[in-house]
Amino acid sequence: MEDVNSTVVTEFILLAVEDFIRFQMLLFIACLLIYITCIVGNLVIFLLIHFEAKLHTPMYYFISRFSILEIVFVSTIVPKLLDILISGRNRISFVGCFLQLYCVGTTGVVECYLLTVMAFDRHFAITNPLQYLVIMSQWFTKLAVLPWVGGLVTSFIPTFFTASLKFCGPNKIDRFFCDLAPLQNLACSDPYISNLMTSLTTPFAALIPFILIIGFYTHIIVTVLKIKSVEGKRKAFSTCSSHLIVSGLFFCTTFTVYVKPSGSQHDKFLALIYTVVTPLLNPFIYTFRNKDVKLVLFRALRNSREFLKNMMQIGIKSQNICASACKSNVMFGPN
């Protein structure tokens, strides 16, 4: 009988939007616009860096990979949220739930690690400017791959032990995506091992990267303060400001959601900011606070406008030629 009961739960119900059923369509439009803007904004940054030779440096390489990561991150959550809002299908299969949990966990951990790598890149560029390009040109590809390896492994451990629990009773989650703590709370079996694995992996997933970033930027600040020229200090700080703001937004929202005691009614709203709003802001932060990206973007927009203008002029000339030919055929007839 115990084996039968352990397989009762075949799906989970996501309840996060039930309290706002009257604003369902409004929320759908808002989330859809945010999702499209996030995808387009991060994709534009990736394409600008990919096609502009001036931006082919380790720093912008990491930014382009971070943009792709943000697209993957929001795409693991928002499509299901949009499906819930537009169709009311708030059920997700057992396998689908844990697949989403693993994807969200992996991309979240990869983001922590990649932000740490980007902080190391800025630290190395400012503290060892003479050796920076020589060494980083050999290592930046490997440093971009390592966060994915660490994220896949680190996220797999708590996901595996949580999926191994027995779910034979409640299946309602007060979230808009499958999250680790709510799933562990629904288990019929003792979640001690699962909670222990989560506690053991959490420092490696978020706490250690956060401490490393703080350490890198502390040393950066000390180094920059030793620079005598005001212009030198300004230039050094300007190369770090965008990454520092993005890191602050990500870690502040993450720690607010996962480090504080769970069970608050505001958890789902904080999770929405962490998973949807923050990735939306990142492309704008990197665009409007980065001089090189702004110059490339404005030049691309200007070239696109000129291209469209030329195409319109060609179209108008073609229409005039066709009109003249047709008029000649009408006046003189066919030969």
C-alpha atoms as a PDB file:
ATOM      1  CA  MET A   1       0.000   0.000   0.000  1.00  0.00           C
ATOM      2  CA  GLU A   2       2.875   2.366   0.737  1.00  0.00           C
ATOM      3  CA  ASP A   3       4.213   1.918  -2.817  1.00  0.00           C
ATOM      4  CA  VAL A   4       0.802   2.736  -4.281  1.00  0.00           C
ATOM      5  CA  ASN A   5       0.419   5.884  -2.219  1.00  0.00           C
ATOM      6  CA  SER A   6       3.896   7.092  -3.173  1.00  0.00           C
ATOM      7  CA  THR A   7       2.851   7.354  -6.828  1.00  0.00           C
ATOM      8  CA  VAL A   8      -0.464   9.159  -6.280  1.00  0.00           C
ATOM      9  CA  VAL A   9       0.876  12.617  -7.126  1.00  0.00           C
ATOM     10  CA  THR A  10       1.387  12.806 -10.890  1.00  0.00           C
ATOM     11  CA  GLU A  11       1.068  16.583 -11.222  1.00  0.00           C
ATOM     12  CA  PHE A  12       1.306  19.786  -9.215  1.00  0.00           C
ATOM     13  CA  ILE A  13      -0.969  22.827  -9.160  1.00  0.00           C
ATOM     14  CA  LEU A  14       0.572  26.311  -9.263  1.00  0.00           C
ATOM     15  CA  LEU A  15      -1.598  28.739  -7.295  1.00  0.00           C
ATOM     16  CA  ALA A  16       0.369  31.995  -7.354  1.00  0.00           C
ATOM     17  CA  VAL A  17      -2.023  33.904  -9.646  1.00  0.00           C
ATOM     18  CA  GLU A  18      -5.334  32.700  -8.223  1.00  0.00           C
ATOM     19  CA  ASP A  19      -5.635  35.748  -5.969  1.00  0.00           C
ATOM     20  CA  PHE A  20      -5.530  38.016  -9.036  1.00  0.00           C
ATOM     21  CA  ILE A  21      -7.974  36.232 -11.299  1.00  0.00           C
ATOM     22  CA  ARG A  22      -9.783  39.529 -12.041  1.00  0.00           C
ATOM     23  CA  PHE A  23      -6.564  41.041 -13.392  1.00  0.00           C
ATOM     24  CA  GLN A  24      -5.599  37.928 -15.311  1.00  0.00           C
ATOM     25  CA  MET A  25      -5.596  39.518 -18.777  1.00  0.00           C
ATOM     26  CA  LEU A  26      -3.791  42.636 -17.538  1.00  0.00           C
ATOM     27  CA  LEU A  27      -1.100  40.514 -15.919  1.00  0.00           C
ATOM     28  CA  PHE A  28      -0.779  38.452 -19.080  1.00  0.00           C
ATOM     29  CA  ILE A  29      -0.201  41.555 -21.227  1.00  0.00           C
ATOM     30  CA  ALA A  30       2.291  42.983 -18.721  1.00  0.00           C
ATOM     31  CA  CYS A  31       4.259  39.727 -18.438  1.00  0.00           C
ATOM     32  CA  LEU A  32       4.211  39.212 -22.206  1.00  0.00           C
ATOM     33  CA  LEU A  33       5.588  42.713 -22.836  1.00  0.00           C
ATOM     34  CA  ILE A  34       8.258  42.233 -20.163  1.00  0.00           C
ATOM     35  CA  TYR A  35       9.224  38.860 -21.641  1.00  0.00           C
ATOM     36  CA  ILE A  36       9.455  40.188 -25.210  1.00  0.00           C
ATOM     37  CA  THR A  37      11.442  43.238 -24.072  1.00  0.00           C
ATOM     38  CA  CYS A  38      13.818  41.042 -22.080  1.00  0.00           C
ATOM     39  CA  ILE A  39      14.395  38.663 -24.994  1.00  0.00           C
ATOM     40  CA  VAL A  40      14.851  41.445 -27.559  1.00  0.00           C
ATOM     41  CA  GLY A  41      17.052  43.585 -25.281  1.00  0.00           C
ATOM     42  CA  ASN A  42      19.434  40.778 -24.371  1.00  0.00           C
ATOM     43  CA  LEU A  43      19.495  39.489 -27.950  1.00  0.00           C
ATOM     44  CA  VAL A  44      20.410  42.960 -29.244  1.00  0.00           C
ATOM     45  CA  ILE A  45      23.320  43.150 -26.790  1.00  0.00           C
ATOM     46  CA  PHE A  46      24.555  39.713 -27.874  1.00  0.00           C
ATOM     47  CA  LEU A  47      24.346  40.597 -31.583  1.00  0.00           C
ATOM     48  CA  LEU A  48      26.045  43.976 -31.115  1.00  0.00           C
ATOM     49  CA  ILE A  49      28.961  42.359 -29.304  1.00  0.00           C
ATOM     50  CA  HIS A  50      29.127  39.453 -31.757  1.00  0.00           C
ATOM     51  CA  PHE A  51      29.260  41.580 -34.918  1.00  0.00           C
ATOM     52  CA  GLU A  52      31.215  44.605 -33.655  1.00  0.00           C
ATOM     53  CA  ALA A  53      34.973  43.950 -33.758  1.00  0.00           C
ATOM     54  CA  LYS A  54      35.596  46.806 -31.313  1.00  0.00           C
ATOM     55  CA  LEU A  55      33.736  44.856 -28.616  1.00  0.00           C
ATOM     56  CA  HIS A  56      35.656  41.603 -29.080  1.00  0.00           C
ATOM     57  CA  THR A  57      37.316  41.743 -25.674  1.00  0.00           C
ATOM     58  CA  PRO A  58      37.008  39.400 -22.668  1.00  0.00           C
ATOM     59  CA  MET A  59      34.755  41.818 -20.772  1.00  0.00           C
ATOM     60  CA  TYR A  60      32.211  42.095 -23.589  1.00  0.00           C
ATOM     61  CA  TYR A  61      32.487  38.374 -24.305  1.00  0.00           C
ATOM     62  CA  PHE A  62      31.276  37.686 -20.763  1.00  0.00           C
ATOM     63  CA  ILE A  63      28.503  40.276 -21.155  1.00  0.00           C
ATOM     64  CA  SER A  64      27.293  38.583 -24.347  1.00  0.00           C
ATOM     65  CA  ARG A  65      27.221  35.182 -22.595  1.00  0.00           C
ATOM     66  CA  PHE A  66      25.403  36.743 -19.679  1.00  0.00           C
ATOM     67  CA  SER A  67      22.759  38.092 -22.079  1.00  0.00           C
ATOM     68  CA  ILE A  68      22.162  34.622 -23.532  1.00  0.00           C
ATOM     69  CA  LEU A  69      21.963  33.213 -20.002  1.00  0.00           C
ATOM     70  CA  GLU A  70      19.257  35.757 -19.113  1.00  0.00           C
ATOM     71  CA  ILE A  71      17.230  34.678 -22.151  1.00  0.00           C
ATOM     72  CA  VAL A  72      17.468  31.023 -21.090  1.00  0.00           C
ATOM     73  CA  PHE A  73      16.677  31.917 -17.469  1.00  0.00           C
ATOM     74  CA  VAL A  74      13.422  33.771 -18.160  1.00  0.00           C
ATOM     75  CA  SER A  75      12.416  31.221 -20.811  1.00  0.00           C
ATOM     76  CA  THR A  76      12.347  28.458 -18.201  1.00  0.00           C
ATOM     77  CA  ILE A  77       9.720  30.344 -16.175  1.00  0.00           C
ATOM     78  CA  VAL A  78       7.740  32.957 -18.109  1.00  0.00           C
ATOM     79  CA  PRO A  79       6.200  30.756 -20.874  1.00  0.00           C
ATOM     80  CA  LYS A  80       4.457  28.591 -18.263  1.00  0.00           C
ATOM     81  CA  LEU A  81       3.357  31.707 -16.380  1.00  0.00           C
ATOM     82  CA  LEU A  82       1.854  33.114 -19.596  1.00  0.00           C
ATOM     83  CA  ASP A  83       0.094  29.803 -20.216  1.00  0.00           C
ATOM     84  CA  ILE A  84      -1.431  29.937 -16.743  1.00  0.00           C
ATOM     85  CA  LEU A  85      -2.604  33.524 -17.228  1.00  0.00           C
ATOM     86  CA  ILE A  86      -4.111  33.118 -20.702  1.00  0.00           C
ATOM     87  CA  SER A  87      -5.582  29.618 -20.486  1.00  0.00           C
ATOM     88  CA  GLY A  88      -5.863  28.935 -16.764  1.00  0.00           C
ATOM     89  CA  ARG A  89      -3.846  25.709 -17.126  1.00  0.00           C
ATOM     90  CA  ASN A  90      -2.113  25.918 -13.770  1.00  0.00           C
ATOM     91  CA  ARG A  91      -1.231  22.228 -13.635  1.00  0.00           C
ATOM     92  CA  ILE A  92       2.234  20.892 -14.391  1.00  0.00           C
ATOM     93  CA  SER A  93       3.243  17.235 -14.594  1.00  0.00           C
ATOM     94  CA  PHE A  94       5.509  15.637 -12.012  1.00  0.00           C
ATOM     95  CA  VAL A  95       8.344  15.254 -14.511  1.00  0.00           C
ATOM     96  CA  GLY A  96       7.733  18.717 -15.970  1.00  0.00           C
ATOM     97  CA  CYS A  97       7.829  20.287 -12.526  1.00  0.00           C
ATOM     98  CA  PHE A  98      11.181  18.802 -11.591  1.00  0.00           C
ATOM     99  CA  LEU A  99      12.580  19.509 -15.043  1.00  0.00           C
ATOM    100  CA  GLN A 100      11.617  23.156 -14.575  1.00  0.00           C
ATOM    101  CA  LEU A 101      13.082  23.093 -11.055  1.00  0.00           C
ATOM    102  CA  TYR A 102      16.387  21.790 -12.395  1.00  0.00           C
ATOM    103  CA  CYS A 103      16.519  24.301 -15.263  1.00  0.00           C
ATOM    104  CA  VAL A 104      15.699  27.249 -12.987  1.00  0.00           C
ATOM    105  CA  GLY A 105      18.217  26.082 -10.400  1.00  0.00           C
ATOM    106  CA  THR A 106      20.926  25.521 -12.993  1.00  0.00           C
ATOM    107  CA  THR A 107      20.538  28.894 -14.698  1.00  0.00           C
ATOM    108  CA  GLY A 108      20.345  30.636 -11.319  1.00  0.00           C
ATOM    109  CA  VAL A 109      23.584  29.037 -10.117  1.00  0.00           C
ATOM    110  CA  VAL A 110      25.279  29.685 -13.475  1.00  0.00           C
ATOM    111  CA  GLU A 111      24.321  33.353 -13.126  1.00  0.00           C
ATOM    112  CA  CYS A 112      25.960  33.490  -9.688  1.00  0.00           C
ATOM    113  CA  TYR A 113      29.145  31.922 -11.045  1.00  0.00           C
ATOM    114  CA  LEU A 114      29.216  34.014 -14.218  1.00  0.00           C
ATOM    115  CA  LEU A 115      28.800  37.223 -12.217  1.00  0.00           C
ATOM    116  CA  THR A 116      31.765  36.071 -10.125  1.00  0.00           C
ATOM    117  CA  VAL A 117      33.837  35.443 -13.266  1.00  0.00           C
ATOM    118  CA  MET A 118      32.906  38.901 -14.559  1.00  0.00           C
ATOM    119  CA  ALA A 119      33.965  40.446 -11.236  1.00  0.00           C
ATOM    120  CA  PHE A 120      37.280  38.581 -11.475  1.00  0.00           C
ATOM    121  CA  ASP A 121      37.701  39.895 -15.025  1.00  0.00           C
ATOM    122  CA  ARG A 122      37.257  43.506 -13.872  1.00  0.00           C
ATOM    123  CA  HIS A 123      39.526  42.880 -10.872  1.00  0.00           C
ATOM    124  CA  PHE A 124      42.286  41.451 -13.060  1.00  0.00           C
ATOM    125  CA  ALA A 125      41.922  44.260 -15.630  1.00  0.00           C
ATOM    126  CA  ILE A 126      42.330  46.991 -13.006  1.00  0.00           C
ATOM    127  CA  THR A 127      44.935  45.402 -10.731  1.00  0.00           C
ATOM    128  CA  ASN A 128      47.090  43.822 -13.495  1.00  0.00           C
ATOM    129  CA  PRO A 129      46.449  45.890 -16.636  1.00  0.00           C
ATOM    130  CA  LEU A 130      49.750  44.944 -18.329  1.00  0.00           C
ATOM    131  CA  GLN A 131      49.137  41.192 -18.154  1.00  0.00           C
ATOM    132  CA  TYR A 132      45.363  41.319 -18.547  1.00  0.00           C
ATOM    133  CA  LEU A 133      44.922  40.934 -22.316  1.00  0.00           C
ATOM    134  CA  VAL A 134      47.706  38.364 -22.699  1.00  0.00           C
ATOM    135  CA  ILE A 135      46.406  36.029 -19.994  1.00  0.00           C
ATOM    136  CA  MET A 136      42.651  36.580 -20.389  1.00  0.00           C
ATOM    137  CA  SER A 137      42.787  36.041 -24.155  1.00  0.00           C
ATOM    138  CA  GLN A 138      43.850  32.458 -23.380  1.00  0.00           C
ATOM    139  CA  TRP A 139      41.391  31.830 -20.543  1.00  0.00           C
ATOM    140  CA  PHE A 140      38.186  33.776 -21.172  1.00  0.00           C
ATOM    141  CA  THR A 141      36.500  30.949 -23.147  1.00  0.00           C
ATOM    142  CA  LYS A 142      37.277  28.400 -20.413  1.00  0.00           C
ATOM    143  CA  LEU A 143      36.091  30.825 -17.729  1.00  0.00           C
ATOM    144  CA  ALA A 144      32.766  31.199 -19.560  1.00  0.00           C
ATOM    145  CA  VAL A 145      32.273  27.407 -19.691  1.00  0.00           C
ATOM    146  CA  LEU A 146      33.126  26.700 -16.040  1.00  0.00           C
ATOM    147  CA  PRO A 147      29.957  28.385 -14.633  1.00  0.00           C
ATOM    148  CA  TRP A 148      27.794  26.036 -16.709  1.00  0.00           C
ATOM    149  CA  VAL A 149      29.657  22.971 -15.470  1.00  0.00           C
ATOM    150  CA  GLY A 150      29.350  24.146 -11.871  1.00  0.00           C
ATOM    151  CA  GLY A 151      25.691  25.076 -12.289  1.00  0.00           C
ATOM    152  CA  LEU A 152      24.685  21.739 -13.834  1.00  0.00           C
ATOM    153  CA  VAL A 153      26.375  19.782 -11.041  1.00  0.00           C
ATOM    154  CA  THR A 154      25.405  21.997  -8.107  1.00  0.00           C
ATOM    155  CA  SER A 155      21.736  22.189  -9.097  1.00  0.00           C
ATOM    156  CA  PHE A 156      21.464  18.456  -9.800  1.00  0.00           C
ATOM    157  CA  ILE A 157      22.181  17.406  -6.206  1.00  0.00           C
ATOM    158  CA  PRO A 158      19.214  19.038  -4.379  1.00  0.00           C
ATOM    159  CA  THR A 159      16.916  18.415  -7.374  1.00  0.00           C
ATOM    160  CA  PHE A 160      17.730  14.687  -7.390  1.00  0.00           C
ATOM    161  CA  PHE A 161      17.200  14.215  -3.643  1.00  0.00           C
ATOM    162  CA  THR A 162      13.973  16.234  -3.704  1.00  0.00           C
ATOM    163  CA  ALA A 163      12.604  14.241  -6.660  1.00  0.00           C
ATOM    164  CA  SER A 164      13.440  11.049  -4.723  1.00  0.00           C
ATOM    165  CA  LEU A 165      10.992  11.998  -1.966  1.00  0.00           C
ATOM    166  CA  LYS A 166       7.525  10.440  -1.818  1.00  0.00           C
ATOM    167  CA  PHE A 167       4.644  12.721  -2.840  1.00  0.00           C
ATOM    168  CA  CYS A 168       1.355  11.128  -1.904  1.00  0.00           C
ATOM    169  CA  GLY A 169      -0.811  13.942  -0.585  1.00  0.00           C
ATOM    170  CA  PRO A 170      -1.024  17.713  -1.170  1.00  0.00           C
ATOM    171  CA  ASN A 171       0.126  18.880  -4.593  1.00  0.00           C
ATOM    172  CA  LYS A 172      -0.590  22.629  -4.484  1.00  0.00           C
ATOM    173  CA  ILE A 173       2.309  25.102  -4.711  1.00  0.00           C
ATOM    174  CA  ASP A 174       1.759  28.791  -3.952  1.00  0.00           C
ATOM    175  CA  ARG A 175       4.196  29.842  -6.674  1.00  0.00           C
ATOM    176  CA  PHE A 176       4.072  30.453 -10.413  1.00  0.00           C
ATOM    177  CA  PHE A 177       6.936  27.997 -10.981  1.00  0.00           C
ATOM    178  CA  CYS A 178       8.245  24.874  -9.283  1.00  0.00           C
ATOM    179  CA  ASP A 179      10.553  25.922  -6.461  1.00  0.00           C
ATOM    180  CA  LEU A 180      12.664  23.806  -4.145  1.00  0.00           C
ATOM    181  CA  ALA A 181      11.357  24.679  -0.659  1.00  0.00           C
ATOM    182  CA  PRO A 182       7.608  24.395  -1.495  1.00  0.00           C
ATOM    183  CA  LEU A 183       8.186  20.981  -3.083  1.00  0.00           C
ATOM    184  CA  GLN A 184      10.119  19.725  -0.072  1.00  0.00           C
ATOM    185  CA  ASN A 185       7.286  20.872   2.181  1.00  0.00           C
ATOM    186  CA  LEU A 186       4.784  18.784   0.175  1.00  0.00           C
ATOM    187  CA  ALA A 187       6.674  15.502   0.590  1.00  0.00           C
ATOM    188  CA  CYS A 188       5.095  12.674   2.565  1.00  0.00           C
ATOM    189  CA  SER A 189       8.471  11.137   3.433  1.00  0.00           C
ATOM    190  CA  ASP A 190      11.086  12.683   5.685  1.00  0.00           C
ATOM    191  CA  PRO A 191      12.816  15.500   3.735  1.00  0.00           C
ATOM    192  CA  TYR A 192      15.827  15.557   6.069  1.00  0.00           C
ATOM    193  CA  ILE A 193      18.336  14.305   3.461  1.00  0.00           C
ATOM    194  CA  SER A 194      16.922  16.613   0.807  1.00  0.00           C
ATOM    195  CA  ASN A 195      17.091  19.608   3.151  1.00  0.00           C
ATOM    196  CA  LEU A 196      20.624  18.619   4.173  1.00  0.00           C
ATOM    197  CA  MET A 197      21.783  18.429   0.536  1.00  0.00           C
ATOM    198  CA  THR A 198      20.168  21.803  -0.129  1.00  0.00           C
ATOM    199  CA  SER A 199      21.941  23.327   2.877  1.00  0.00           C
ATOM    200  CA  LEU A 200      25.275  21.859   1.776  1.00  0.00           C
ATOM    201  CA  THR A 201      25.027  23.101  -1.820  1.00  0.00           C
ATOM    202  CA  THR A 202      23.603  26.567  -1.074  1.00  0.00           C
ATOM    203  CA  PRO A 203      26.943  28.058   0.071  1.00  0.00           C
ATOM    204  CA  PHE A 204      28.595  26.844  -3.142  1.00  0.00           C
ATOM    205  CA  ALA A 205      25.686  28.105  -5.258  1.00  0.00           C
ATOM    206  CA  ALA A 206      25.311  31.639  -3.928  1.00  0.00           C
ATOM    207  CA  LEU A 207      27.135  32.488  -0.703  1.00  0.00           C
ATOM    208  CA  ILE A 208      30.701  31.793  -1.843  1.00  0.00           C
ATOM    209  CA  PRO A 209      30.230  33.636  -5.187  1.00  0.00           C
ATOM    210  CA  PHE A 210      28.761  36.586  -3.298  1.00  0.00           C
ATOM    211  CA  ILE A 211      31.720  36.683  -0.877  1.00  0.00           C
ATOM    212  CA  LEU A 212      34.178  36.449  -3.785  1.00  0.00           C
ATOM    213  CA  ILE A 213      32.480  39.335  -5.586  1.00  0.00           C
ATOM    214  CA  ILE A 214      32.619  41.454  -2.428  1.00  0.00           C
ATOM    215  CA  GLY A 215      36.308  40.589  -2.065  1.00  0.00           C
ATOM    216  CA  PHE A 216      37.112  41.441  -5.682  1.00  0.00           C
ATOM    217  CA  TYR A 217      35.355  44.799  -5.512  1.00  0.00           C
ATOM    218  CA  THR A 218      36.904  45.661  -2.152  1.00  0.00           C
ATOM    219  CA  HIS A 219      40.346  45.165  -3.682  1.00  0.00           C
ATOM    220  CA  ILE A 220      39.258  47.088  -6.807  1.00  0.00           C
ATOM    221  CA  ILE A 221      38.169  50.065  -4.680  1.00  0.00           C
ATOM    222  CA  VAL A 222      41.439  50.025  -2.732  1.00  0.00           C
ATOM    223  CA  THR A 223      43.423  49.887  -5.983  1.00  0.00           C
ATOM    224  CA  VAL A 224      41.418  52.643  -7.676  1.00  0.00           C
ATOM    225  CA  LEU A 225      41.766  54.970  -4.689  1.00  0.00           C
ATOM    226  CA  LYS A 226      45.534  54.774  -5.130  1.00  0.00           C
ATOM    227  CA  ILE A 227      45.254  56.192  -8.651  1.00  0.00           C
ATOM    228  CA  LYS A 228      46.276  59.845  -8.542  1.00  0.00           C
ATOM    229  CA  SER A 229      44.400  61.238 -11.530  1.00  0.00           C
ATOM    230  CA  VAL A 230      40.674  61.915 -11.237  1.00  0.00           C
ATOM    231  CA  GLU A 231      40.147  60.821 -14.839  1.00  0.00           C
ATOM    232  CA  GLY A 232      41.876  57.514 -14.139  1.00  0.00           C
ATOM    233  CA  LYS A 233      39.645  56.860 -11.146  1.00  0.00           C
ATOM    234  CA  ARG A 234      36.526  57.750 -13.129  1.00  0.00           C
ATOM    235  CA  LYS A 235      37.479  55.465 -16.016  1.00  0.00           C
ATOM    236  CA  ALA A 236      38.258  52.558 -13.676  1.00  0.00           C
ATOM    237  CA  PHE A 237      34.977  52.894 -11.798  1.00  0.00           C
ATOM    238  CA  SER A 238      32.965  53.303 -15.030  1.00  0.00           C
ATOM    239  CA  THR A 239      34.129  49.888 -16.275  1.00  0.00           C
ATOM    240  CA  CYS A 240      32.773  48.264 -13.095  1.00  0.00           C
ATOM    241  CA  SER A 241      29.571  50.205 -12.424  1.00  0.00           C
ATOM    242  CA  SER A 242      27.247  48.254 -14.741  1.00  0.00           C
ATOM    243  CA  HIS A 243      28.384  44.866 -13.453  1.00  0.00           C
ATOM    244  CA  LEU A 244      28.205  46.048  -9.844  1.00  0.00           C
ATOM    245  CA  ILE A 245      24.591  47.230 -10.281  1.00  0.00           C
ATOM    246  CA  VAL A 246      23.536  43.961 -11.984  1.00  0.00           C
ATOM    247  CA  SER A 247      25.243  41.887  -9.281  1.00  0.00           C
ATOM    248  CA  GLY A 248      23.605  43.938  -6.547  1.00  0.00           C
ATOM    249  CA  LEU A 249      20.135  43.533  -8.056  1.00  0.00           C
ATOM    250  CA  PHE A 250      20.550  39.797  -8.539  1.00  0.00           C
ATOM    251  CA  PHE A 251      21.992  38.905  -5.149  1.00  0.00           C
ATOM    252  CA  CYS A 252      19.730  41.259  -3.176  1.00  0.00           C
ATOM    253  CA  THR A 253      16.567  39.821  -4.691  1.00  0.00           C
ATOM    254  CA  THR A 254      17.879  36.249  -4.468  1.00  0.00           C
ATOM    255  CA  PHE A 255      18.836  36.506  -0.810  1.00  0.00           C
ATOM    256  CA  THR A 256      15.548  38.255  -0.015  1.00  0.00           C
ATOM    257  CA  VAL A 257      13.618  35.326  -1.492  1.00  0.00           C
ATOM    258  CA  TYR A 258      15.698  32.382  -0.277  1.00  0.00           C
ATOM    259  CA  VAL A 259      17.694  33.407   2.789  1.00  0.00           C
ATOM    260  CA  LYS A 260      14.906  34.972   4.845  1.00  0.00           C
ATOM    261  CA  PRO A 261      12.418  32.658   6.609  1.00  0.00           C
ATOM    262  CA  SER A 262       9.985  31.164   4.100  1.00  0.00           C
ATOM    263  CA  GLY A 263       6.224  31.182   4.279  1.00  0.00           C
ATOM    264  CA  SER A 264       5.634  34.881   3.748  1.00  0.00           C
ATOM    265  CA  GLN A 265       2.719  35.927   1.529  1.00  0.00           C
ATOM    266  CA  HIS A 266       5.126  38.222  -0.291  1.00  0.00           C
ATOM    267  CA  ASP A 267       7.446  35.404  -1.411  1.00  0.00           C
ATOM    268  CA  LYS A 268       5.760  35.019  -4.792  1.00  0.00           C
ATOM    269  CA  PHE A 269       6.003  38.751  -5.546  1.00  0.00           C
ATOM    270  CA  LEU A 270       9.677  38.815  -4.605  1.00  0.00           C
ATOM    271  CA  ALA A 271      10.221  35.729  -6.753  1.00  0.00           C
ATOM    272  CA  LEU A 272       8.561  37.551  -9.678  1.00  0.00           C
ATOM    273  CA  ILE A 273      11.056  40.407  -9.310  1.00  0.00           C
ATOM    274  CA  TYR A 274      13.972  37.978  -9.066  1.00  0.00           C
ATOM    275  CA  THR A 275      12.958  35.844 -12.044  1.00  0.00           C
ATOM    276  CA  VAL A 276      11.323  38.336 -14.438  1.00  0.00           C
ATOM    277  CA  VAL A 277      11.925  42.000 -13.606  1.00  0.00           C
ATOM    278  CA  THR A 278      15.659  41.812 -12.848  1.00  0.00           C
ATOM    279  CA  PRO A 279      16.541  40.096 -16.177  1.00  0.00           C
ATOM    280  CA  LEU A 280      14.486  42.814 -17.904  1.00  0.00           C
ATOM    281  CA  LEU A 281      16.589  45.598 -16.374  1.00  0.00           C
ATOM    282  CA  ASN A 282      19.994  44.098 -17.164  1.00  0.00           C
ATOM    283  CA  PRO A 283      20.166  44.954 -20.903  1.00  0.00           C
ATOM    284  CA  PHE A 284      19.185  48.555 -20.169  1.00  0.00           C
ATOM    285  CA  ILE A 285      21.826  48.817 -17.440  1.00  0.00           C
ATOM    286  CA  TYR A 286      24.555  47.517 -19.724  1.00  0.00           C
ATOM    287  CA  THR A 287      23.377  49.717 -22.616  1.00  0.00           C
ATOM    288  CA  PHE A 288      22.838  53.069 -20.945  1.00  0.00           C
ATOM    289  CA  ARG A 289      25.760  52.881 -18.516  1.00  0.00           C
ATOM    290  CA  ASN A 290      28.320  51.632 -21.018  1.00  0.00           C
ATOM    291  CA  LYS A 291      29.829  54.162 -23.407  1.00  0.00           C
ATOM    292  CA  ASP A 292      31.155  51.632 -25.937  1.00  0.00           C
ATOM    293  CA  VAL A 293      27.869  49.736 -26.176  1.00  0.00           C
ATOM    294  CA  LYS A 294      25.924  52.990 -26.572  1.00  0.00           C
ATOM    295  CA  LEU A 295      28.162  54.141 -29.416  1.00  0.00           C
ATOM    296  CA  VAL A 296      27.817  50.825 -31.238  1.00  0.00           C
ATOM    297  CA  LEU A 297      24.067  50.759 -30.656  1.00  0.00           C
ATOM    298  CA  PHE A 298      23.530  54.304 -31.926  1.00  0.00           C
ATOM    299  CA  ARG A 299      25.684  53.618 -34.966  1.00  0.00           C
ATOM    300  CA  ALA A 300      23.729  50.437 -35.702  1.00  0.00           C
ATOM    301  CA  LEU A 301      20.440  52.324 -35.387  1.00  0.00           C
ATOM    302  CA  ARG A 302      21.716  55.076 -37.673  1.00  0.00           C
ATOM    303  CA  ASN A 303      22.900  52.542 -40.263  1.00  0.00           C
ATOM    304  CA  SER A 304      19.575  50.722 -40.064  1.00  0.00           C
ATOM    305  CA  ARG A 305      17.695  53.974 -40.596  1.00  0.00           C
ATOM    306  CA  GLU A 306      19.846  54.851 -43.591  1.00  0.00           C
ATOM    307  CA  PHE A 307      19.401  51.342 -45.005  1.00  0.00           C
ATOM    308  CA  LEU A 308      15.622  51.573 -44.708  1.00  0.00           C
ATOM    309  CA  LYS A 309      15.692  55.023 -46.267  1.00  0.00           C
ATOM    310  CA  ASN A 310      17.720  53.741 -49.217  1.00  0.00           C
ATOM    311  CA  MET A 311      15.428  50.766 -49.655  1.00  0.00           C
ATOM    312  CA  MET A 312      12.405  53.070 -49.687  1.00  0.00           C
ATOM    313  CA  GLN A 313      14.048  55.281 -52.301  1.00  0.00           C
ATOM    314  CA  ILE A 314      14.839  52.231 -54.435  1.00  0.00           C
ATOM    315  CA  GLY A 315      11.242  51.090 -54.070  1.00  0.00           C
ATOM    316  CA  ILE A 316       9.932  54.496 -55.107  1.00  0.00           C
ATOM    317  CA  LYS A 317      12.239  54.590 -58.143  1.00  0.00           C
ATOM    318  CA  SER A 318      11.125  51.082 -59.112  1.00  0.00           C
ATOM    319  CA  GLN A 319       7.485  52.122 -58.884  1.00  0.00           C
ATOM    320  CA  ASN A 320       8.170  55.196 -61.039  1.00  0.00           C
ATOM    321  CA  ILE A 321       9.946  53.081 -63.673  1.00  0.00           C
ATOM    322  CA  CYS A 322       7.078  50.575 -63.712  1.00  0.00           C
ATOM    323  CA  ALA A 323       4.543  53.381 -63.942  1.00  0.00           C
ATOM    324  CA  SER A 324       6.437  54.966 -66.850  1.00  0.00           C
ATOM    325  CA  ALA A 325       6.665  51.639 -68.658  1.00  0.00           C
ATOM    326  CA  CYS A 326       2.986  50.947 -68.190  1.00  0.00           C
ATOM    327  CA  LYS A 327       2.140  54.452 -69.438  1.00  0.00           C
ATOM    328  CA  SER A 328       4.267  53.950 -72.533  1.00  0.00           C
ATOM    329  CA  ASN A 329       2.508  50.678 -73.313  1.00  0.00           C
ATOM    330  CA  VAL A 330      -0.888  52.337 -72.983  1.00  0.00           C
ATOM    331  CA  MET A 331       0.036  55.282 -75.246  1.00  0.00           C
ATOM    332  CA  PHE A 332       1.825  53.425 -78.050  1.00  0.00           C
ATOM    333  CA  GLY A 333       0.542  49.910 -77.654  1.00  0.00           C
ATOM    334  CA  PRO A 334       2.536  46.757 -78.071  1.00  0.00           C
ATOM    335  CA  ASN A 335       5.035  46.509 -80.941  1.00  0.00           C
END
